[in-house]
């Protein structure tokens, strides 16, 4: 699967925008797991993804609210941050299954905290520190989705 390098924050946003263009083209509901340590750049990448959908405003990590919705003409993108989730069962109380319906895109930071409740992802993006920049390793089992990804 592809590996990308982002040397700084602006490259991370640009890479997010390229990935977001693939997400825009994907014709079904899409679940993306964003892995990485605190400060790895998961929310920065999300900012770029949202730009591909047409969002021009600020993007903050929904650490305390768990989810932030971004509604666009053709679909809704949900940005989850499960870092402070105490128990995966809490997701059931917030009606988590409704978020994965229809044509929605769900970007999930700290997905391991929702294990057993979250659906399997179509894409996993593992972000790690690489010198002063970041390395993004992408994993998908869908050849149709892989064909939409930008070249390395």
Protein backbone atom coordinates (compact mmCIF):
# COMPACT_ATOMS: atom_id res chain seq x y z
CA UNK A 1 0.00 0.00 0.00
CA UNK A 2 1.13 3.57 -0.50
CA UNK A 3 3.41 5.49 1.83
CA UNK A 4 3.58 9.29 1.76
CA UNK A 5 5.96 11.75 3.39
CA UNK A 6 4.89 15.23 4.52
CA UNK A 7 7.86 17.42 5.44
CA UNK A 8 5.83 20.08 7.26
CA UNK A 9 2.32 21.14 8.23
CA UNK A 10 1.48 22.69 4.86
CA UNK A 11 2.49 19.47 3.07
CA UNK A 12 0.35 17.48 5.53
CA UNK A 13 -2.68 19.65 4.71
CA UNK A 14 -1.94 19.33 0.97
CA UNK A 15 -1.67 15.55 1.28
CA UNK A 16 -4.95 15.52 3.21
CA UNK A 17 -6.55 17.47 0.38
CA UNK A 18 -5.28 14.95 -2.18
CA UNK A 19 -6.65 12.08 -0.10
CA UNK A 20 -9.90 14.00 0.35
CA UNK A 21 -10.28 14.17 -3.44
CA UNK A 22 -10.24 10.35 -3.45
CA UNK A 23 -12.82 10.33 -0.66
CA UNK A 24 -15.07 12.69 -2.63
CA UNK A 25 -15.00 10.22 -5.54
CA UNK A 26 -15.78 7.17 -3.41
CA UNK A 27 -19.46 6.40 -4.08
CA UNK A 28 -20.40 4.82 -0.73
CA UNK A 29 -20.11 5.33 3.00
CA UNK A 30 -16.45 5.50 4.02
CA UNK A 31 -14.82 4.82 7.38
CA UNK A 32 -11.20 5.92 7.85
CA UNK A 33 -9.14 5.14 10.94
CA UNK A 34 -6.45 7.70 11.75
CA UNK A 35 -3.66 6.20 13.85
CA UNK A 36 -0.75 8.02 15.45
CA UNK A 37 0.57 9.39 18.71
CA UNK A 38 -0.57 12.69 20.22
CA UNK A 39 0.64 15.49 17.98
CA UNK A 40 1.26 13.21 14.99
CA UNK A 41 -0.93 15.33 12.72
CA UNK A 42 -4.25 13.48 12.57
CA UNK A 43 -6.31 16.68 12.86
CA UNK A 44 -4.01 18.53 10.45
CA UNK A 45 -4.56 15.77 7.88
CA UNK A 46 -8.31 16.00 8.54
CA UNK A 47 -8.18 19.74 7.79
CA UNK A 48 -6.83 18.95 4.33
CA UNK A 49 -9.40 16.21 3.75
CA UNK A 50 -12.19 18.63 4.63
CA UNK A 51 -10.79 21.23 2.20
CA UNK A 52 -11.30 18.73 -0.63
CA UNK A 53 -15.00 18.70 0.28
CA UNK A 54 -15.11 22.52 0.26
CA UNK A 55 -14.60 23.42 3.94
CA UNK A 56 -12.61 26.63 4.35
CA UNK A 57 -13.00 27.25 8.08
CA UNK A 58 -11.12 26.08 11.14
CA UNK A 59 -10.89 22.42 12.07
CA UNK A 60 -10.48 21.55 15.72
CA UNK A 61 -10.08 18.16 17.26
CA UNK A 62 -13.37 17.11 18.87
CA UNK A 63 -11.58 15.76 21.93
CA UNK A 64 -14.32 16.76 24.39
CA UNK A 65 -17.39 16.50 22.14
CA UNK A 66 -16.21 13.21 20.52
CA UNK A 67 -17.57 14.18 17.09
CA UNK A 68 -17.79 17.22 14.83
CA UNK A 69 -20.07 17.18 11.78
CA UNK A 70 -19.28 18.96 8.50
CA UNK A 71 -22.26 19.02 6.16
CA UNK A 72 -21.72 19.40 2.43
CA UNK A 73 -24.12 19.32 -0.52
CA UNK A 74 -23.54 15.67 -1.36
CA UNK A 75 -22.54 14.10 1.96
CA UNK A 76 -21.63 14.65 5.58
CA UNK A 77 -18.13 14.16 6.97
CA UNK A 78 -17.87 13.24 10.65
CA UNK A 79 -14.60 13.82 12.50
CA UNK A 80 -14.36 11.67 15.63
CA UNK A 81 -11.72 11.89 18.36
CA UNK A 82 -12.15 9.01 20.80
CA UNK A 83 -9.09 9.81 22.92
CA UNK A 84 -11.16 10.62 26.03
CA UNK A 85 -13.68 7.83 25.55
CA UNK A 86 -13.95 5.86 28.77
CA UNK A 87 -15.68 2.77 27.41
CA UNK A 88 -16.69 1.73 23.89
CA UNK A 89 -20.26 1.23 25.16
CA UNK A 90 -20.54 5.03 25.45
CA UNK A 91 -20.64 5.12 21.65
CA UNK A 92 -23.86 3.11 21.69
CA UNK A 93 -25.49 5.76 23.90
CA UNK A 94 -24.69 8.48 21.36
CA UNK A 95 -26.24 6.47 18.51
CA UNK A 96 -22.92 5.75 16.82
CA UNK A 97 -24.40 3.43 14.17
CA UNK A 98 -26.39 6.31 12.68
CA UNK A 99 -23.16 8.09 11.74
CA UNK A 100 -22.07 5.23 9.47
CA UNK A 101 -25.24 5.20 7.38
CA UNK A 102 -25.90 6.37 3.84
CA UNK A 103 -23.10 8.21 2.08
CA UNK A 104 -21.30 9.60 5.14
CA UNK A 105 -17.53 9.79 5.58
CA UNK A 106 -16.24 9.06 9.09
CA UNK A 107 -12.69 10.04 10.06
CA UNK A 108 -11.86 8.44 13.41
CA UNK A 109 -8.92 9.35 15.62
CA UNK A 110 -8.05 6.81 18.34
CA UNK A 111 -10.31 4.08 16.87
CA UNK A 112 -8.92 1.39 19.22
CA UNK A 113 -10.91 3.06 22.03
CA UNK A 114 -14.12 2.15 20.18
CA UNK A 115 -13.10 -1.41 19.38
CA UNK A 116 -16.00 -3.82 19.17
CA UNK A 117 -18.48 -1.04 18.37
CA UNK A 118 -16.97 0.69 15.33
CA UNK A 119 -17.33 -0.81 11.85
CA UNK A 120 -14.27 -2.09 10.01
CA UNK A 121 -12.55 0.71 8.11
CA UNK A 122 -12.18 0.92 4.36
CA UNK A 123 -8.89 2.75 4.96
CA UNK A 124 -6.36 2.95 7.80
CA UNK A 125 -3.87 5.82 7.83
CA UNK A 126 -0.97 5.28 10.24
CA UNK A 127 0.92 8.54 10.88
CA UNK A 128 4.38 8.52 12.45
CA UNK A 129 7.13 11.06 12.99
CA UNK A 130 9.81 10.95 10.29
CA UNK A 131 12.59 13.43 11.05
CA UNK A 132 10.97 16.87 11.12
CA UNK A 133 8.03 15.61 9.06
CA UNK A 134 5.53 12.79 9.04
CA UNK A 135 5.25 9.42 7.34
CA UNK A 136 1.78 8.16 6.38
CA UNK A 137 1.31 4.46 5.72
CA UNK A 138 -2.05 3.63 4.13
CA UNK A 139 -3.77 0.25 4.33
CA UNK A 140 -6.91 -0.83 2.48
CA UNK A 141 -8.36 -4.17 1.39
CA UNK A 142 -10.40 -2.54 -1.38
CA UNK A 143 -8.70 -2.52 -4.78
CA UNK A 144 -11.42 -0.16 -6.03
CA UNK A 145 -10.59 2.34 -3.27
CA UNK A 146 -6.83 1.86 -3.69
CA UNK A 147 -7.17 2.86 -7.35
CA UNK A 148 -8.50 6.29 -6.24
CA UNK A 149 -5.49 7.09 -4.03
CA UNK A 150 -2.92 9.63 -5.24
CA UNK A 151 0.45 8.28 -6.43
CA UNK A 152 3.24 8.09 -3.87
